[in-house]
N, C-alpha and C. Protein backbone atom coordinates (compact mmCIF):
# COMPACT_ATOMS: atom_id res chain seq x y z
N MET A 1 10.37 -4.59 176.05
CA MET A 1 11.27 -3.51 176.35
C MET A 1 10.80 -2.84 177.64
N ALA A 2 11.67 -2.75 178.60
CA ALA A 2 11.32 -2.13 179.89
C ALA A 2 11.39 -0.62 179.79
N MET A 3 10.43 0.04 180.41
CA MET A 3 10.40 1.50 180.44
C MET A 3 11.14 1.98 181.69
N LYS A 4 11.92 3.00 181.53
CA LYS A 4 12.65 3.57 182.66
C LYS A 4 12.06 4.93 182.98
N SER A 5 11.80 5.18 184.23
CA SER A 5 11.22 6.45 184.65
C SER A 5 12.33 7.42 185.02
N SER A 6 12.23 8.63 184.50
CA SER A 6 13.20 9.67 184.83
C SER A 6 12.44 10.91 185.24
N MET A 7 13.05 11.70 186.08
CA MET A 7 12.40 12.91 186.53
C MET A 7 13.38 14.07 186.41
N LEU A 8 12.91 15.16 185.87
CA LEU A 8 13.69 16.37 185.76
C LEU A 8 13.23 17.31 186.87
N SER A 9 14.16 17.85 187.61
CA SER A 9 13.77 18.75 188.69
C SER A 9 14.53 20.07 188.59
N THR A 10 13.99 21.08 189.20
CA THR A 10 14.61 22.39 189.24
C THR A 10 15.23 22.58 190.62
N ILE A 11 16.41 23.13 190.64
CA ILE A 11 17.10 23.35 191.90
C ILE A 11 16.29 24.31 192.78
N SER A 12 16.27 24.02 194.06
CA SER A 12 15.63 24.91 195.03
C SER A 12 16.74 25.40 195.94
N ALA A 13 17.23 26.59 195.67
CA ALA A 13 18.38 27.10 196.40
C ALA A 13 17.99 28.31 197.24
N GLN A 14 18.68 28.47 198.34
CA GLN A 14 18.43 29.62 199.20
C GLN A 14 19.14 30.84 198.65
N TRP A 15 18.82 32.00 199.20
CA TRP A 15 19.51 33.24 198.85
C TRP A 15 20.84 33.29 199.58
N PHE A 16 21.86 33.79 198.90
CA PHE A 16 23.17 34.03 199.51
C PHE A 16 23.51 35.50 199.39
N ASN A 17 24.32 35.99 200.32
CA ASN A 17 24.75 37.37 200.31
C ASN A 17 25.73 37.60 199.17
N LEU A 18 25.36 38.44 198.22
CA LEU A 18 26.26 38.78 197.13
C LEU A 18 26.94 40.11 197.39
N LEU A 19 26.18 41.06 197.94
CA LEU A 19 26.71 42.39 198.15
C LEU A 19 26.15 42.93 199.46
N THR A 20 27.03 43.12 200.45
CA THR A 20 26.62 43.70 201.72
C THR A 20 26.31 45.16 201.52
N ARG A 21 25.25 45.63 202.16
CA ARG A 21 24.82 47.02 201.97
C ARG A 21 25.99 47.97 202.12
N GLY A 22 26.29 48.65 201.03
CA GLY A 22 27.37 49.62 201.02
C GLY A 22 26.83 51.02 200.87
N THR A 23 27.52 51.98 201.46
CA THR A 23 27.08 53.37 201.39
C THR A 23 27.94 54.20 200.45
N THR A 24 28.87 53.54 199.77
CA THR A 24 29.65 54.22 198.74
C THR A 24 29.57 53.38 197.48
N SER A 25 29.75 53.98 196.34
CA SER A 25 29.68 53.25 195.08
C SER A 25 30.74 52.17 195.04
N ALA A 26 30.40 51.03 194.43
CA ALA A 26 31.31 49.89 194.36
C ALA A 26 31.56 49.53 192.90
N VAL A 27 32.36 50.33 192.25
CA VAL A 27 32.69 50.08 190.86
C VAL A 27 34.09 49.50 190.84
N LEU A 28 34.21 48.23 190.45
CA LEU A 28 35.50 47.57 190.44
C LEU A 28 36.24 47.92 189.16
N THR A 29 37.50 48.26 189.27
CA THR A 29 38.28 48.68 188.12
C THR A 29 38.94 47.47 187.48
N LEU A 30 38.74 47.33 186.18
CA LEU A 30 39.37 46.26 185.43
C LEU A 30 40.67 46.76 184.81
N THR A 31 41.60 45.82 184.55
CA THR A 31 42.83 46.18 183.87
C THR A 31 42.52 46.31 182.37
N ALA A 32 43.51 46.72 181.59
CA ALA A 32 43.31 46.92 180.15
C ALA A 32 42.89 45.65 179.44
N ASP A 33 43.25 44.47 179.98
CA ASP A 33 42.87 43.21 179.33
C ASP A 33 41.55 42.67 179.88
N HIS A 34 40.78 43.51 180.53
CA HIS A 34 39.47 43.15 181.08
C HIS A 34 39.54 42.03 182.11
N SER A 35 40.53 42.10 182.98
CA SER A 35 40.62 41.16 184.09
C SER A 35 40.78 41.97 185.38
N PHE A 36 40.83 41.28 186.48
CA PHE A 36 41.06 41.95 187.75
C PHE A 36 42.53 41.91 188.13
N GLY A 37 43.38 41.59 187.18
CA GLY A 37 44.81 41.55 187.45
C GLY A 37 45.14 40.50 188.49
N THR A 38 45.92 40.87 189.48
CA THR A 38 46.31 39.92 190.51
C THR A 38 45.34 39.90 191.69
N ASP A 39 44.29 40.72 191.65
CA ASP A 39 43.30 40.73 192.73
C ASP A 39 42.30 39.61 192.49
N ALA A 40 42.54 38.47 193.11
CA ALA A 40 41.67 37.31 192.91
C ALA A 40 40.28 37.61 193.45
N PRO A 41 39.25 37.17 192.73
CA PRO A 41 37.89 37.38 193.23
C PRO A 41 37.65 36.57 194.48
N ASN A 42 36.83 37.11 195.36
CA ASN A 42 36.46 36.42 196.57
C ASN A 42 35.54 35.28 196.20
N GLN A 43 35.81 34.10 196.70
CA GLN A 43 35.03 32.95 196.29
C GLN A 43 33.88 32.65 197.24
N ALA A 44 33.83 33.31 198.37
CA ALA A 44 32.78 33.03 199.35
C ALA A 44 31.64 34.01 199.19
N ALA A 45 30.49 33.63 199.73
CA ALA A 45 29.33 34.52 199.70
C ALA A 45 29.47 35.49 200.87
N ASP A 46 30.44 36.40 200.76
CA ASP A 46 30.78 37.27 201.89
C ASP A 46 30.35 38.71 201.69
N GLY A 47 29.64 39.01 200.62
CA GLY A 47 29.13 40.36 200.43
C GLY A 47 30.06 41.29 199.69
N SER A 48 31.11 40.78 199.05
CA SER A 48 32.08 41.63 198.39
C SER A 48 31.63 42.11 197.02
N GLY A 49 30.55 41.52 196.50
CA GLY A 49 30.07 41.87 195.17
C GLY A 49 30.53 40.89 194.11
N ILE A 50 31.45 39.96 194.47
CA ILE A 50 31.93 38.92 193.57
C ILE A 50 31.67 37.58 194.23
N ILE A 51 31.17 36.62 193.44
CA ILE A 51 30.88 35.31 194.03
C ILE A 51 31.27 34.20 193.07
N ASP A 52 31.79 33.11 193.62
CA ASP A 52 32.07 31.89 192.87
C ASP A 52 30.79 31.07 192.91
N VAL A 53 30.04 31.08 191.83
CA VAL A 53 28.73 30.43 191.80
C VAL A 53 28.88 28.91 191.95
N TRP A 54 29.89 28.33 191.32
CA TRP A 54 30.09 26.88 191.40
C TRP A 54 30.30 26.44 192.84
N ASP A 55 31.19 27.12 193.57
CA ASP A 55 31.45 26.74 194.96
C ASP A 55 30.24 27.01 195.85
N THR A 56 29.60 28.15 195.66
CA THR A 56 28.47 28.53 196.53
C THR A 56 27.32 27.55 196.40
N PHE A 57 27.02 27.11 195.17
CA PHE A 57 25.88 26.23 194.94
C PHE A 57 26.30 24.80 194.61
N ASN A 58 27.51 24.41 195.02
CA ASN A 58 28.02 23.05 194.86
C ASN A 58 27.91 22.53 193.43
N GLY A 59 28.20 23.39 192.46
CA GLY A 59 28.19 23.00 191.06
C GLY A 59 26.81 22.74 190.48
N CYS A 60 25.76 23.15 191.18
CA CYS A 60 24.39 22.84 190.76
C CYS A 60 23.64 24.03 190.18
N ALA A 61 24.31 25.03 189.68
CA ALA A 61 23.62 26.20 189.16
C ALA A 61 23.85 26.34 187.66
N ASN A 62 22.76 26.30 186.90
CA ASN A 62 22.85 26.58 185.47
C ASN A 62 22.63 28.07 185.21
N GLY A 63 21.94 28.71 186.11
CA GLY A 63 21.65 30.13 186.00
C GLY A 63 21.54 30.74 187.38
N VAL A 64 21.44 32.05 187.43
CA VAL A 64 21.32 32.74 188.70
C VAL A 64 20.21 33.79 188.64
N GLU A 65 19.75 34.16 189.81
CA GLU A 65 18.77 35.22 189.96
C GLU A 65 19.28 36.17 191.04
N LEU A 66 19.27 37.47 190.76
CA LEU A 66 19.74 38.48 191.69
C LEU A 66 18.56 39.35 192.12
N ALA A 67 18.57 39.77 193.37
CA ALA A 67 17.60 40.73 193.87
C ALA A 67 18.37 41.78 194.66
N PHE A 68 17.87 43.00 194.66
CA PHE A 68 18.58 44.12 195.28
C PHE A 68 17.68 44.81 196.30
N TYR A 69 18.30 45.30 197.36
CA TYR A 69 17.56 46.04 198.38
C TYR A 69 18.41 47.22 198.83
N GLY A 70 17.76 48.25 199.29
CA GLY A 70 18.49 49.44 199.70
C GLY A 70 17.82 50.12 200.87
N THR A 71 18.44 51.19 201.32
CA THR A 71 17.87 51.95 202.42
C THR A 71 17.71 53.40 202.01
N THR A 72 16.59 53.91 202.34
CA THR A 72 16.18 55.30 202.15
C THR A 72 14.67 55.29 201.98
N THR A 73 14.15 56.01 201.01
CA THR A 73 12.71 56.02 200.76
C THR A 73 12.43 55.57 199.32
N ALA A 74 11.18 55.30 199.02
CA ALA A 74 10.79 54.82 197.69
C ALA A 74 11.20 55.81 196.61
N ASP A 75 11.40 55.28 195.42
CA ASP A 75 11.74 56.03 194.21
C ASP A 75 13.13 56.66 194.23
N GLN A 76 14.01 56.18 195.11
CA GLN A 76 15.40 56.63 195.11
C GLN A 76 16.16 55.78 194.09
N THR A 77 17.24 56.33 193.52
CA THR A 77 17.88 55.72 192.36
C THR A 77 19.26 55.12 192.62
N VAL A 78 19.62 54.18 191.74
CA VAL A 78 20.93 53.54 191.76
C VAL A 78 21.20 53.02 190.34
N THR A 79 22.46 52.92 189.96
CA THR A 79 22.86 52.32 188.68
C THR A 79 23.55 51.00 188.98
N ILE A 80 23.13 49.93 188.31
CA ILE A 80 23.65 48.59 188.58
C ILE A 80 24.24 47.99 187.31
N ASP A 81 25.45 47.40 187.44
CA ASP A 81 26.09 46.67 186.36
C ASP A 81 26.40 45.25 186.85
N VAL A 82 26.26 44.27 185.97
CA VAL A 82 26.55 42.87 186.32
C VAL A 82 27.51 42.31 185.27
N ASP A 83 28.52 41.59 185.73
CA ASP A 83 29.50 40.94 184.86
C ASP A 83 29.63 39.47 185.25
N ALA A 84 30.20 38.67 184.34
CA ALA A 84 30.49 37.26 184.63
C ALA A 84 31.78 36.88 183.92
N TRP A 85 32.41 35.81 184.39
CA TRP A 85 33.58 35.27 183.70
C TRP A 85 33.77 33.83 184.09
N ARG A 86 34.57 33.15 183.29
CA ARG A 86 34.68 31.71 183.41
C ARG A 86 35.75 31.25 184.39
N ASN A 87 37.00 31.66 184.22
CA ASN A 87 38.10 31.06 184.97
C ASN A 87 38.90 32.08 185.76
N GLY A 88 38.78 32.01 187.07
CA GLY A 88 39.63 32.80 187.95
C GLY A 88 39.64 34.28 187.67
N PRO A 89 40.58 34.97 188.27
CA PRO A 89 40.63 36.42 188.19
C PRO A 89 41.20 36.93 186.87
N THR A 90 41.65 36.03 186.01
CA THR A 90 42.29 36.49 184.78
C THR A 90 41.31 36.78 183.66
N GLY A 91 40.03 36.56 183.92
CA GLY A 91 39.01 36.96 182.96
C GLY A 91 39.04 36.15 181.68
N PRO A 92 38.59 36.72 180.58
CA PRO A 92 38.12 38.10 180.49
C PRO A 92 36.73 38.24 181.12
N VAL A 93 36.50 39.40 181.66
CA VAL A 93 35.21 39.71 182.26
C VAL A 93 34.24 40.05 181.13
N ILE A 94 33.07 39.43 181.16
CA ILE A 94 32.07 39.60 180.12
C ILE A 94 30.88 40.39 180.69
N PRO A 95 30.50 41.49 180.06
CA PRO A 95 29.34 42.24 180.55
C PRO A 95 28.07 41.40 180.40
N VAL A 96 27.24 41.40 181.44
CA VAL A 96 25.95 40.71 181.42
C VAL A 96 24.82 41.73 181.27
N PHE A 97 24.88 42.78 182.09
CA PHE A 97 23.82 43.79 182.13
C PHE A 97 24.45 45.13 182.47
N ARG A 98 24.03 46.17 181.78
CA ARG A 98 24.50 47.52 182.04
C ARG A 98 23.30 48.42 182.29
N GLY A 99 23.19 48.87 183.52
CA GLY A 99 22.12 49.80 183.86
C GLY A 99 22.53 51.20 183.45
N GLY A 100 21.60 51.93 182.88
CA GLY A 100 21.89 53.33 182.57
C GLY A 100 21.88 54.14 183.84
N ALA A 101 22.20 55.41 183.74
CA ALA A 101 22.21 56.29 184.92
C ALA A 101 20.84 56.26 185.59
N ALA A 102 20.83 56.04 186.89
CA ALA A 102 19.61 56.03 187.70
C ALA A 102 18.59 55.03 187.15
N SER A 103 19.05 53.86 186.73
CA SER A 103 18.17 52.87 186.10
C SER A 103 17.47 51.95 187.08
N GLY A 104 17.85 52.00 188.34
CA GLY A 104 17.19 51.19 189.36
C GLY A 104 16.47 52.09 190.34
N LEU A 105 15.25 51.69 190.70
CA LEU A 105 14.46 52.47 191.66
C LEU A 105 14.01 51.59 192.81
N LEU A 106 14.12 52.10 194.03
CA LEU A 106 13.54 51.40 195.16
C LEU A 106 12.03 51.52 195.09
N GLY A 107 11.34 50.45 195.47
CA GLY A 107 9.88 50.46 195.49
C GLY A 107 9.35 50.72 196.88
N THR A 108 8.16 50.22 197.13
CA THR A 108 7.53 50.43 198.43
C THR A 108 7.47 49.15 199.25
N MET A 109 7.88 47.99 198.68
CA MET A 109 7.86 46.74 199.44
C MET A 109 9.00 46.76 200.45
N VAL A 110 8.66 46.56 201.70
CA VAL A 110 9.62 46.66 202.80
C VAL A 110 10.50 45.42 202.88
N CYS A 111 11.78 45.63 203.10
CA CYS A 111 12.76 44.57 203.37
C CYS A 111 13.15 44.72 204.84
N SER A 112 12.44 44.02 205.73
CA SER A 112 12.63 44.19 207.17
C SER A 112 13.87 43.48 207.71
N TYR A 113 14.22 42.35 207.06
CA TYR A 113 15.35 41.54 207.52
C TYR A 113 16.24 41.20 206.34
N LEU A 114 17.54 41.01 206.60
CA LEU A 114 18.44 40.56 205.55
C LEU A 114 17.93 39.23 205.03
N PRO A 115 17.83 39.07 203.71
CA PRO A 115 17.19 37.89 203.14
C PRO A 115 18.10 36.67 202.99
N TYR A 116 19.10 36.52 203.83
CA TYR A 116 20.00 35.38 203.75
C TYR A 116 20.45 35.01 205.16
N GLY A 117 21.00 33.83 205.29
CA GLY A 117 21.50 33.36 206.57
C GLY A 117 20.40 32.74 207.41
N ASN A 118 20.79 32.23 208.56
CA ASN A 118 19.86 31.53 209.44
C ASN A 118 19.41 32.36 210.63
N THR A 119 19.87 33.60 210.70
CA THR A 119 19.44 34.47 211.79
C THR A 119 18.73 35.69 211.19
N GLN A 120 17.85 36.28 211.95
CA GLN A 120 17.14 37.46 211.48
C GLN A 120 17.91 38.71 211.88
N THR A 121 18.41 39.41 210.88
CA THR A 121 19.11 40.66 211.09
C THR A 121 18.25 41.77 210.51
N ALA A 122 17.83 42.68 211.35
CA ALA A 122 16.92 43.74 210.92
C ALA A 122 17.60 44.71 209.96
N VAL A 123 16.82 45.22 209.01
CA VAL A 123 17.27 46.26 208.09
C VAL A 123 16.42 47.50 208.39
N THR A 124 17.06 48.57 208.81
CA THR A 124 16.36 49.81 209.10
C THR A 124 16.06 50.55 207.80
N SER A 125 14.82 50.91 207.60
CA SER A 125 14.38 51.63 206.39
C SER A 125 14.70 50.87 205.11
N GLY A 126 14.64 49.54 205.16
CA GLY A 126 14.96 48.72 203.99
C GLY A 126 13.80 48.61 203.03
N LEU A 127 14.11 48.74 201.73
CA LEU A 127 13.13 48.58 200.66
C LEU A 127 13.74 47.75 199.54
N TRP A 128 12.91 46.94 198.87
CA TRP A 128 13.37 46.17 197.72
C TRP A 128 13.40 47.04 196.48
N LEU A 129 14.36 46.79 195.61
CA LEU A 129 14.39 47.44 194.31
C LEU A 129 13.21 46.90 193.51
N ASP A 130 12.41 47.79 192.93
CA ASP A 130 11.24 47.32 192.20
C ASP A 130 11.28 47.66 190.72
N THR A 131 12.25 48.46 190.28
CA THR A 131 12.36 48.81 188.87
C THR A 131 13.82 48.73 188.47
N LEU A 132 14.07 48.09 187.32
CA LEU A 132 15.44 48.00 186.80
C LEU A 132 15.37 48.01 185.28
N THR A 133 16.06 48.94 184.68
CA THR A 133 16.15 49.02 183.22
C THR A 133 17.61 49.12 182.83
N GLY A 134 17.91 48.70 181.62
CA GLY A 134 19.29 48.77 181.17
C GLY A 134 19.49 48.00 179.89
N THR A 135 20.74 47.72 179.57
CA THR A 135 21.11 47.04 178.34
C THR A 135 21.46 45.59 178.63
N ASP A 136 20.79 44.69 177.93
CA ASP A 136 21.07 43.26 178.00
C ASP A 136 22.28 42.98 177.12
N CYS A 137 23.40 42.57 177.73
CA CYS A 137 24.63 42.31 176.98
C CYS A 137 24.91 40.81 176.83
N TRP A 138 24.03 39.95 177.31
CA TRP A 138 24.29 38.52 177.42
C TRP A 138 23.81 37.77 176.18
N PRO A 139 24.60 36.80 175.67
CA PRO A 139 24.23 36.12 174.43
C PRO A 139 22.89 35.37 174.50
N THR A 140 22.56 34.82 175.66
CA THR A 140 21.28 34.10 175.78
C THR A 140 20.21 34.94 176.44
N GLY A 141 20.51 36.18 176.72
CA GLY A 141 19.52 37.11 177.25
C GLY A 141 19.44 37.17 178.76
N VAL A 142 19.10 38.35 179.24
CA VAL A 142 18.86 38.61 180.65
C VAL A 142 17.38 38.89 180.80
N THR A 143 16.77 38.32 181.80
CA THR A 143 15.36 38.58 182.06
C THR A 143 15.24 39.44 183.31
N VAL A 144 14.57 40.57 183.18
CA VAL A 144 14.25 41.40 184.34
C VAL A 144 12.83 41.01 184.72
N VAL A 145 12.68 40.41 185.89
CA VAL A 145 11.41 39.87 186.34
C VAL A 145 10.71 40.86 187.26
N ASP A 146 9.45 41.15 186.96
CA ASP A 146 8.58 41.92 187.84
C ASP A 146 9.04 43.37 188.05
N SER A 147 9.54 44.00 187.02
CA SER A 147 10.00 45.39 187.13
C SER A 147 8.82 46.36 187.10
N GLY A 148 8.89 47.38 187.96
CA GLY A 148 7.88 48.43 187.98
C GLY A 148 6.58 48.04 188.64
N SER A 149 6.61 47.07 189.52
CA SER A 149 5.37 46.52 190.08
C SER A 149 5.18 46.81 191.57
N ASN A 150 6.12 47.51 192.19
CA ASN A 150 6.14 47.69 193.64
C ASN A 150 6.20 46.36 194.37
N ARG A 151 6.85 45.39 193.73
CA ARG A 151 7.15 44.11 194.36
C ARG A 151 8.68 43.97 194.33
N ILE A 152 9.19 42.76 194.25
CA ILE A 152 10.63 42.54 194.23
C ILE A 152 11.07 42.29 192.80
N CYS A 153 11.80 43.23 192.22
CA CYS A 153 12.34 43.08 190.87
C CYS A 153 13.57 42.19 190.94
N ARG A 154 13.70 41.26 189.99
CA ARG A 154 14.84 40.35 189.98
C ARG A 154 15.47 40.32 188.60
N LEU A 155 16.76 40.03 188.57
CA LEU A 155 17.52 39.93 187.34
C LEU A 155 17.95 38.47 187.21
N ARG A 156 17.60 37.82 186.09
CA ARG A 156 17.84 36.39 185.93
C ARG A 156 18.57 36.12 184.61
N PHE A 157 19.58 35.24 184.65
CA PHE A 157 20.27 34.87 183.42
C PHE A 157 20.94 33.51 183.56
N ASP A 158 21.10 32.82 182.41
CA ASP A 158 21.81 31.56 182.34
C ASP A 158 23.30 31.85 182.43
N LEU A 159 24.06 31.01 183.09
CA LEU A 159 25.49 31.26 183.27
C LEU A 159 26.32 31.03 182.01
N ASP A 160 25.81 30.29 181.05
CA ASP A 160 26.54 30.03 179.80
C ASP A 160 27.98 29.60 180.05
N GLY A 161 28.19 28.75 181.04
CA GLY A 161 29.53 28.23 181.32
C GLY A 161 30.38 29.11 182.21
N CYS A 162 29.87 30.25 182.63
CA CYS A 162 30.64 31.13 183.51
C CYS A 162 30.58 30.64 184.95
N ARG A 163 31.58 30.97 185.70
CA ARG A 163 31.70 30.53 187.09
C ARG A 163 31.52 31.66 188.09
N TYR A 164 31.96 32.86 187.74
CA TYR A 164 31.94 33.99 188.67
C TYR A 164 30.93 35.04 188.22
N VAL A 165 30.31 35.70 189.19
CA VAL A 165 29.38 36.81 188.93
C VAL A 165 29.81 37.98 189.80
N ARG A 166 29.75 39.18 189.23
CA ARG A 166 30.11 40.40 189.95
C ARG A 166 29.01 41.44 189.77
N VAL A 167 28.71 42.16 190.86
CA VAL A 167 27.80 43.30 190.79
C VAL A 167 28.59 44.56 191.16
N GLY A 168 28.48 45.56 190.32
CA GLY A 168 29.03 46.87 190.62
C GLY A 168 27.87 47.86 190.61
N TYR A 169 27.98 48.93 191.35
CA TYR A 169 26.88 49.88 191.39
C TYR A 169 27.40 51.29 191.66
N THR A 170 26.60 52.24 191.25
CA THR A 170 26.87 53.64 191.54
C THR A 170 25.62 54.19 192.22
N LEU A 171 25.80 54.67 193.43
CA LEU A 171 24.66 55.21 194.17
C LEU A 171 24.18 56.50 193.52
N GLY A 172 22.87 56.61 193.38
CA GLY A 172 22.26 57.87 192.98
C GLY A 172 21.77 58.52 194.26
N THR A 173 20.48 58.40 194.50
CA THR A 173 19.90 58.95 195.73
C THR A 173 19.66 57.88 196.78
N VAL A 174 19.92 56.60 196.45
CA VAL A 174 19.82 55.52 197.43
C VAL A 174 20.95 55.70 198.44
N VAL A 175 20.66 55.50 199.72
CA VAL A 175 21.68 55.68 200.76
C VAL A 175 22.64 54.48 200.80
N SER A 176 22.11 53.26 200.66
CA SER A 176 22.95 52.07 200.64
C SER A 176 22.28 51.02 199.76
N LEU A 177 23.10 50.06 199.27
CA LEU A 177 22.57 49.02 198.39
C LEU A 177 23.15 47.68 198.77
N GLY A 178 22.32 46.64 198.75
CA GLY A 178 22.76 45.27 198.98
C GLY A 178 22.16 44.38 197.90
N ALA A 179 22.72 43.18 197.73
CA ALA A 179 22.21 42.24 196.72
C ALA A 179 22.32 40.83 197.24
N VAL A 180 21.37 40.00 196.80
CA VAL A 180 21.40 38.57 197.11
C VAL A 180 21.36 37.81 195.80
N ILE A 181 21.83 36.54 195.85
CA ILE A 181 21.90 35.70 194.66
C ILE A 181 21.36 34.32 195.01
N SER A 182 20.67 33.71 194.05
CA SER A 182 20.19 32.34 194.19
C SER A 182 20.41 31.62 192.88
N ALA A 183 20.49 30.31 192.95
CA ALA A 183 20.63 29.49 191.74
C ALA A 183 19.27 29.19 191.16
N VAL A 184 19.20 29.15 189.83
CA VAL A 184 17.96 28.77 189.16
C VAL A 184 18.28 27.73 188.10
């Protein structure tokens, strides 16, 4: 009997722009049936806060990892919510993570350049989010990686068959907030 060699590998994906630094809160309003109605989600990694994970990562993402950065000084606050859904803008939108009021804190690790793209774009007074607390709403669980460490806190979860991911936020004392996404 001949033996066949197989190898399992983990995707190595770059960061993509999920949310361009905004200076106003970005809470997307859902209709009564928990969809975005006729407002189709943006499918490109254009910073709108909604991304088509399948298209962005060529169908090679079983899970995603998010990281957040903002501008101002350390220990400034923001509230972050994450949702996902399977098919198009008709939902239903499923809550992934719900941050309580002021549940995200900027740390002291500097974010000098936007962490995506092939060119270096400077970020003035940029800091990585280093603390994130909230409610895990996902059936297979959300992992908050490296929270409270003055490093880069990340939010990681399996897609469970979902195609789209959305980030909404409410600014506390943070002046602006941005987010990046990678496949895991």
